[in-house]
Amino acid sequence: MAKVLGIGGVFFKSKDTEAIGQWYKTWLGFEIEPSFGGSVFFPGNLPANAYTVWSPFKADTDYFAPSANTYMINLIVDDVAAALAQVNEGGATLVGELESSEYGDFGWFMDPDGNKVELWKPAAEMPTS
């Protein structure tokens, strides 16, 4: 049986793909590829302990609030507090408070298109189970 080996991308609709790409480039340092207007993140460039999660949430979850979307994007960053300050300066709406757990640091914002984005800096040592 064939099996999935990882997440190949995050794809979403936007009213202005060029503007949202430029916003992420300006405020989070995305390297936008002109050929398709998005970014590629190679595994070798990720910090230690970074990984991708695929996880369905219950239909009545409020974890994605205040977004009306049925999905949330999670981005791995090198400094959650600094990234939140940058996107705040760029007009994003911050959501909740910075949180730390055994998995690392987390923070959230709403981008200009109304997508809730979770920022994550992996912990130096991760739980084993």
C-alpha atoms as a PDB file:
ATOM      1  CA  MET A   1       0.000   0.000   0.000  1.00  0.00           C
ATOM      2  CA  ALA A   2       1.274   3.484  -0.841  1.00  0.00           C
ATOM      3  CA  LYS A   3       1.443   5.860   2.100  1.00  0.00           C
ATOM      4  CA  VAL A   4       1.774   9.579   2.688  1.00  0.00           C
ATOM      5  CA  LEU A   5       5.243  10.801   3.683  1.00  0.00           C
ATOM      6  CA  GLY A   6       4.518  14.425   4.567  1.00  0.00           C
ATOM      7  CA  ILE A   7       2.627  17.606   3.813  1.00  0.00           C
ATOM      8  CA  GLY A   8       3.449  18.927   0.358  1.00  0.00           C
ATOM      9  CA  GLY A   9       2.044  22.412   0.797  1.00  0.00           C
ATOM     10  CA  VAL A  10      -0.547  24.778   2.189  1.00  0.00           C
ATOM     11  CA  PHE A  11      -2.845  26.223  -0.462  1.00  0.00           C
ATOM     12  CA  PHE A  12      -5.576  28.812   0.023  1.00  0.00           C
ATOM     13  CA  LYS A  13      -7.616  31.316  -1.926  1.00  0.00           C
ATOM     14  CA  SER A  14      -6.910  35.053  -1.780  1.00  0.00           C
ATOM     15  CA  LYS A  15      -8.647  38.089  -3.267  1.00  0.00           C
ATOM     16  CA  ASP A  16      -5.216  39.520  -4.160  1.00  0.00           C
ATOM     17  CA  THR A  17      -2.493  36.859  -4.347  1.00  0.00           C
ATOM     18  CA  GLU A  18       0.244  39.357  -5.181  1.00  0.00           C
ATOM     19  CA  ALA A  19      -0.603  41.619  -2.210  1.00  0.00           C
ATOM     20  CA  ILE A  20      -0.798  38.771   0.327  1.00  0.00           C
ATOM     21  CA  GLY A  21       2.475  37.334  -0.989  1.00  0.00           C
ATOM     22  CA  GLN A  22       4.130  40.724  -0.626  1.00  0.00           C
ATOM     23  CA  TRP A  23       2.720  41.102   2.915  1.00  0.00           C
ATOM     24  CA  TYR A  24       4.231  37.757   3.995  1.00  0.00           C
ATOM     25  CA  LYS A  25       7.524  38.692   2.305  1.00  0.00           C
ATOM     26  CA  THR A  26       7.660  42.073   4.060  1.00  0.00           C
ATOM     27  CA  TRP A  27       6.564  41.005   7.540  1.00  0.00           C
ATOM     28  CA  LEU A  28       7.781  37.386   7.846  1.00  0.00           C
ATOM     29  CA  GLY A  29      10.633  37.195   5.335  1.00  0.00           C
ATOM     30  CA  PHE A  30       9.021  34.766   2.878  1.00  0.00           C
ATOM     31  CA  GLU A  31      11.056  34.281  -0.285  1.00  0.00           C
ATOM     32  CA  ILE A  32       8.380  34.557  -2.963  1.00  0.00           C
ATOM     33  CA  GLU A  33       8.987  32.518  -6.124  1.00  0.00           C
ATOM     34  CA  PRO A  34       7.908  34.613  -9.141  1.00  0.00           C
ATOM     35  CA  SER A  35       6.905  31.518 -11.120  1.00  0.00           C
ATOM     36  CA  PHE A  36       3.992  30.687  -8.797  1.00  0.00           C
ATOM     37  CA  GLY A  37       3.802  33.487  -6.197  1.00  0.00           C
ATOM     38  CA  GLY A  38       4.481  31.270  -3.167  1.00  0.00           C
ATOM     39  CA  SER A  39       7.382  29.981  -1.083  1.00  0.00           C
ATOM     40  CA  VAL A  40       9.207  26.678  -0.814  1.00  0.00           C
ATOM     41  CA  PHE A  41      10.510  25.538   2.575  1.00  0.00           C
ATOM     42  CA  PHE A  42      13.148  22.820   2.297  1.00  0.00           C
ATOM     43  CA  PRO A  43      13.510  20.368   5.220  1.00  0.00           C
ATOM     44  CA  GLY A  44      17.259  21.045   5.500  1.00  0.00           C
ATOM     45  CA  ASN A  45      16.542  24.691   6.329  1.00  0.00           C
ATOM     46  CA  LEU A  46      14.219  23.917   9.243  1.00  0.00           C
ATOM     47  CA  PRO A  47      15.420  24.096  12.853  1.00  0.00           C
ATOM     48  CA  ALA A  48      16.066  20.959  14.891  1.00  0.00           C
ATOM     49  CA  ASN A  49      12.878  19.312  16.166  1.00  0.00           C
ATOM     50  CA  ALA A  50      10.650  21.000  13.565  1.00  0.00           C
ATOM     51  CA  TYR A  51       8.048  18.792  11.941  1.00  0.00           C
ATOM     52  CA  THR A  52       4.707  19.014  10.131  1.00  0.00           C
ATOM     53  CA  VAL A  53       1.447  17.999  11.795  1.00  0.00           C
ATOM     54  CA  TRP A  54      -1.679  16.792  10.027  1.00  0.00           C
ATOM     55  CA  SER A  55      -4.586  16.923  12.469  1.00  0.00           C
ATOM     56  CA  PRO A  56      -8.342  17.170  11.998  1.00  0.00           C
ATOM     57  CA  PHE A  57     -10.182  19.191  14.641  1.00  0.00           C
ATOM     58  CA  LYS A  58     -13.767  18.707  15.780  1.00  0.00           C
ATOM     59  CA  ALA A  59     -16.282  20.741  13.765  1.00  0.00           C
ATOM     60  CA  ASP A  60     -17.241  22.821  16.818  1.00  0.00           C
ATOM     61  CA  THR A  61     -13.667  23.789  17.817  1.00  0.00           C
ATOM     62  CA  ASP A  62     -12.996  27.429  18.603  1.00  0.00           C
ATOM     63  CA  TYR A  63      -9.232  26.959  18.141  1.00  0.00           C
ATOM     64  CA  PHE A  64      -9.357  28.672  14.720  1.00  0.00           C
ATOM     65  CA  ALA A  65     -11.398  31.635  16.058  1.00  0.00           C
ATOM     66  CA  PRO A  66     -11.767  34.446  15.293  1.00  0.00           C
ATOM     67  CA  SER A  67     -11.244  33.221  11.712  1.00  0.00           C
ATOM     68  CA  ALA A  68     -14.351  32.039   9.906  1.00  0.00           C
ATOM     69  CA  ASN A  69     -12.204  29.600   7.896  1.00  0.00           C
ATOM     70  CA  THR A  70     -12.240  25.865   8.512  1.00  0.00           C
ATOM     71  CA  TYR A  71      -8.438  25.707   8.549  1.00  0.00           C
ATOM     72  CA  MET A  72      -5.470  27.374  10.238  1.00  0.00           C
ATOM     73  CA  ILE A  73      -1.908  27.745   8.958  1.00  0.00           C
ATOM     74  CA  ASN A  74       1.038  26.941  11.264  1.00  0.00           C
ATOM     75  CA  LEU A  75       4.421  28.502  10.445  1.00  0.00           C
ATOM     76  CA  ILE A  76       7.737  27.535  12.029  1.00  0.00           C
ATOM     77  CA  VAL A  77       9.703  30.632  13.084  1.00  0.00           C
ATOM     78  CA  ASP A  78      12.980  31.387  14.838  1.00  0.00           C
ATOM     79  CA  ASP A  79      11.460  33.870  17.330  1.00  0.00           C
ATOM     80  CA  VAL A  80       7.712  33.927  18.031  1.00  0.00           C
ATOM     81  CA  ALA A  81       7.649  37.224  19.962  1.00  0.00           C
ATOM     82  CA  ALA A  82       9.679  39.057  17.304  1.00  0.00           C
ATOM     83  CA  ALA A  83       7.555  37.615  14.489  1.00  0.00           C
ATOM     84  CA  LEU A  84       4.365  38.698  16.283  1.00  0.00           C
ATOM     85  CA  ALA A  85       5.772  42.221  16.693  1.00  0.00           C
ATOM     86  CA  GLN A  86       6.608  42.325  12.964  1.00  0.00           C
ATOM     87  CA  VAL A  87       3.179  41.201  11.763  1.00  0.00           C
ATOM     88  CA  ASN A  88       1.511  43.530  14.254  1.00  0.00           C
ATOM     89  CA  GLU A  89       3.499  46.402  12.747  1.00  0.00           C
ATOM     90  CA  GLY A  90       2.326  45.214   9.341  1.00  0.00           C
ATOM     91  CA  GLY A  91      -1.334  45.495  10.328  1.00  0.00           C
ATOM     92  CA  ALA A  92      -2.109  41.943  11.445  1.00  0.00           C
ATOM     93  CA  THR A  93      -4.436  41.421  14.386  1.00  0.00           C
ATOM     94  CA  LEU A  94      -2.761  39.526  17.220  1.00  0.00           C
ATOM     95  CA  VAL A  95      -4.885  36.793  18.794  1.00  0.00           C
ATOM     96  CA  GLY A  96      -4.390  35.524  22.352  1.00  0.00           C
ATOM     97  CA  GLU A  97      -1.185  35.545  24.331  1.00  0.00           C
ATOM     98  CA  LEU A  98       2.221  34.013  23.652  1.00  0.00           C
ATOM     99  CA  GLU A  99       2.246  30.462  25.061  1.00  0.00           C
ATOM    100  CA  SER A 100       5.085  28.109  25.929  1.00  0.00           C
ATOM    101  CA  SER A 101       4.788  24.345  26.349  1.00  0.00           C
ATOM    102  CA  GLU A 102       6.992  21.273  26.168  1.00  0.00           C
ATOM    103  CA  TYR A 103       6.619  21.525  22.366  1.00  0.00           C
ATOM    104  CA  GLY A 104       7.936  25.094  22.187  1.00  0.00           C
ATOM    105  CA  ASP A 105       6.582  28.631  21.904  1.00  0.00           C
ATOM    106  CA  PHE A 106       3.325  29.537  20.137  1.00  0.00           C
ATOM    107  CA  GLY A 107       1.603  32.756  19.078  1.00  0.00           C
ATOM    108  CA  TRP A 108      -1.292  33.643  16.762  1.00  0.00           C
ATOM    109  CA  PHE A 109      -2.448  36.384  14.427  1.00  0.00           C
ATOM    110  CA  MET A 110      -5.021  37.091  11.734  1.00  0.00           C
ATOM    111  CA  ASP A 111      -3.453  37.997   8.370  1.00  0.00           C
ATOM    112  CA  PRO A 112      -4.891  40.677   6.037  1.00  0.00           C
ATOM    113  CA  ASP A 113      -7.023  38.011   4.283  1.00  0.00           C
ATOM    114  CA  GLY A 114      -8.626  36.904   7.573  1.00  0.00           C
ATOM    115  CA  ASN A 115      -6.632  33.666   7.935  1.00  0.00           C
ATOM    116  CA  LYS A 116      -5.629  32.650  11.455  1.00  0.00           C
ATOM    117  CA  VAL A 117      -1.925  31.841  11.517  1.00  0.00           C
ATOM    118  CA  GLU A 118      -0.161  30.010  14.328  1.00  0.00           C
ATOM    119  CA  LEU A 119       3.560  30.699  14.809  1.00  0.00           C
ATOM    120  CA  TRP A 120       5.694  27.969  16.363  1.00  0.00           C
ATOM    121  CA  LYS A 121       9.281  27.842  17.575  1.00  0.00           C
ATOM    122  CA  PRO A 122      10.069  24.198  18.397  1.00  0.00           C
ATOM    123  CA  ALA A 123      11.496  23.416  21.826  1.00  0.00           C
ATOM    124  CA  ALA A 124      15.199  22.539  22.002  1.00  0.00           C
ATOM    125  CA  GLU A 125      14.177  19.144  23.387  1.00  0.00           C
ATOM    126  CA  MET A 126      10.854  17.587  22.469  1.00  0.00           C
ATOM    127  CA  PRO A 127       8.708  15.055  24.340  1.00  0.00           C
ATOM    128  CA  THR A 128       9.378  11.526  23.176  1.00  0.00           C
ATOM    129  CA  SER A 129       5.767  10.393  23.029  1.00  0.00           C
END
